[in-house]
Amino acid sequence: MLYLLVGMVSLAMAFKSLFSTKLLSFHEKAAGTLWDEIEYPYKLVILSLLRLAGLGFLIMSILLIVCPLVNYFIPNTFYKYSIPVIALIFCTGLFANNYYLYKKTKADTPWKESLYAMFVIIAGIIISILN
């Protein structure tokens, strides 16, 4: 159930990033530049990178929503532990990146949310080990 929560949040971030038409608000604050002030070629690069991040969120959400259901019906120790470990790696990188951006720019990045996701995934792994 914990994985489902993180998966749903990741799915929301995936849609937000995949369908974004400009920088996210904390990106603008960190850059110190409004979207309208950025030259068009850079806008294309930024949107491309934002959509790639959205794909990462989408993949993680699929892993955390679908794979535990598959594992419930077809138990497999590899799936039971590898899926949350992959999600933990993603969330750890997300936390490190967001925290670094926060410390360097003081922009209100979602580093705390990334840290919470890490703790939830770790709790899920511990619960899985105990079951």
Protein backbone atom coordinates (compact mmCIF):
# COMPACT_ATOMS: atom_id res chain seq x y z
CA MET A 1 0.00 0.00 0.00
CA LEU A 2 2.90 2.36 0.71
CA TYR A 3 4.24 1.82 -2.81
CA LEU A 4 0.84 2.71 -4.24
CA LEU A 5 0.95 6.10 -2.48
CA VAL A 6 4.39 6.97 -3.86
CA GLY A 7 3.33 5.59 -7.25
CA MET A 8 0.28 7.86 -7.40
CA VAL A 9 2.33 10.94 -6.49
CA SER A 10 4.88 9.94 -9.13
CA LEU A 11 2.10 9.57 -11.67
CA ALA A 12 0.90 13.10 -10.91
CA MET A 13 4.44 14.43 -11.34
CA ALA A 14 4.78 12.48 -14.59
CA PHE A 15 1.72 14.16 -16.08
CA LYS A 16 2.79 17.57 -14.76
CA SER A 17 6.23 17.20 -16.38
CA LEU A 18 5.18 15.46 -19.59
CA PHE A 19 2.52 18.01 -20.47
CA SER A 20 4.27 21.11 -19.18
CA THR A 21 4.54 24.03 -21.58
CA LYS A 22 7.01 26.01 -19.45
CA LEU A 23 9.36 25.73 -16.51
CA LEU A 24 7.91 24.64 -13.20
CA SER A 25 7.62 27.56 -10.78
CA PHE A 26 10.55 26.46 -8.60
CA HIS A 27 12.69 26.09 -11.74
CA GLU A 28 11.98 29.71 -12.65
CA LYS A 29 12.88 30.85 -9.15
CA ALA A 30 16.08 28.80 -9.13
CA ALA A 31 17.09 30.15 -12.54
CA GLY A 32 16.18 33.70 -11.60
CA THR A 33 14.62 34.02 -15.05
CA LEU A 34 11.04 34.05 -16.19
CA TRP A 35 9.99 31.68 -18.95
CA ASP A 36 9.22 34.55 -21.33
CA GLU A 37 12.79 35.83 -21.01
CA ILE A 38 14.37 32.58 -22.25
CA GLU A 39 15.34 32.29 -25.92
CA TYR A 40 13.31 29.84 -28.00
CA PRO A 41 16.07 27.23 -28.65
CA TYR A 42 16.75 27.02 -24.91
CA LYS A 43 13.05 26.62 -24.25
CA LEU A 44 13.04 23.57 -26.52
CA VAL A 45 15.99 22.04 -24.68
CA ILE A 46 14.43 22.75 -21.28
CA LEU A 47 11.07 21.25 -22.29
CA SER A 48 12.83 18.21 -23.70
CA LEU A 49 14.69 17.64 -20.42
CA LEU A 50 11.52 18.26 -18.41
CA ARG A 51 9.67 15.66 -20.48
CA LEU A 52 12.52 13.17 -20.02
CA ALA A 53 12.17 13.69 -16.26
CA GLY A 54 8.43 13.12 -16.72
CA LEU A 55 9.17 9.80 -18.39
CA GLY A 56 11.29 8.84 -15.39
CA PHE A 57 8.37 9.65 -13.08
CA LEU A 58 6.03 7.67 -15.35
CA ILE A 59 8.29 4.61 -15.33
CA MET A 60 8.64 4.78 -11.56
CA SER A 61 4.89 5.12 -11.07
CA ILE A 62 4.25 2.09 -13.29
CA LEU A 63 6.83 0.09 -11.35
CA LEU A 64 5.26 1.03 -8.02
CA ILE A 65 1.63 0.60 -9.03
CA VAL A 66 1.60 -2.35 -11.41
CA CYS A 67 4.48 -4.55 -10.27
CA PRO A 68 3.31 -5.07 -6.67
CA LEU A 69 -0.06 -6.19 -8.08
CA VAL A 70 1.67 -8.62 -10.43
CA ASN A 71 3.82 -9.85 -7.55
CA TYR A 72 0.69 -10.41 -5.46
CA PHE A 73 -0.73 -12.85 -8.02
CA ILE A 74 2.58 -14.28 -9.20
CA PRO A 75 4.92 -14.09 -6.18
CA ASN A 76 8.53 -13.58 -7.13
CA THR A 77 11.28 -12.59 -4.71
CA PHE A 78 13.15 -10.70 -7.44
CA TYR A 79 10.15 -8.44 -8.14
CA LYS A 80 9.38 -8.07 -4.47
CA TYR A 81 12.71 -6.37 -3.78
CA SER A 82 14.10 -5.11 -7.08
CA ILE A 83 11.15 -2.85 -7.94
CA PRO A 84 11.26 -0.84 -4.70
CA VAL A 85 15.06 -0.70 -4.84
CA ILE A 86 14.87 0.81 -8.35
CA ALA A 87 12.31 3.33 -7.08
CA LEU A 88 14.55 4.10 -4.11
CA ILE A 89 17.48 4.80 -6.43
CA PHE A 90 15.30 7.17 -8.46
CA CYS A 91 13.99 8.97 -5.36
CA THR A 92 17.49 9.23 -3.89
CA GLY A 93 18.75 10.89 -7.07
CA LEU A 94 15.70 13.12 -7.15
CA PHE A 95 16.29 14.14 -3.54
CA ALA A 96 19.99 14.84 -4.11
CA ASN A 97 19.28 16.93 -7.20
CA ASN A 98 16.44 18.91 -5.61
CA TYR A 99 18.35 19.48 -2.39
CA TYR A 100 21.43 20.65 -4.29
CA LEU A 101 19.30 23.11 -6.27
CA TYR A 102 17.66 24.31 -3.05
CA LYS A 103 20.98 24.86 -1.27
CA LYS A 104 22.53 26.71 -4.23
CA THR A 105 19.53 28.90 -5.14
CA LYS A 106 17.20 28.89 -2.10
CA ALA A 107 14.35 28.07 -4.50
CA ASP A 108 11.52 26.12 -2.88
CA THR A 109 12.32 22.79 -4.55
CA PRO A 110 10.44 19.61 -3.60
CA TRP A 111 13.45 18.10 -1.83
CA LYS A 112 11.45 17.31 1.31
CA GLU A 113 8.85 15.42 -0.70
CA SER A 114 11.61 13.39 -2.34
CA LEU A 115 13.03 12.59 1.08
CA TYR A 116 9.58 11.51 2.33
CA ALA A 117 9.22 9.25 -0.71
CA MET A 118 12.58 7.67 0.13
CA PHE A 119 11.44 6.98 3.70
CA VAL A 120 8.14 5.49 2.51
CA ILE A 121 9.94 3.19 0.09
CA ILE A 122 12.44 2.14 2.78
CA ALA A 123 9.51 1.44 5.13
CA GLY A 124 7.89 -0.65 2.40
CA ILE A 125 11.08 -2.64 1.89
CA ILE A 126 11.36 -3.28 5.64
CA ILE A 127 7.72 -4.39 5.80
CA SER A 128 8.33 -6.70 2.82
CA ILE A 129 11.34 -8.25 4.52
CA LEU A 130 9.34 -8.88 7.70
CA ASN A 131 6.50 -10.58 5.79
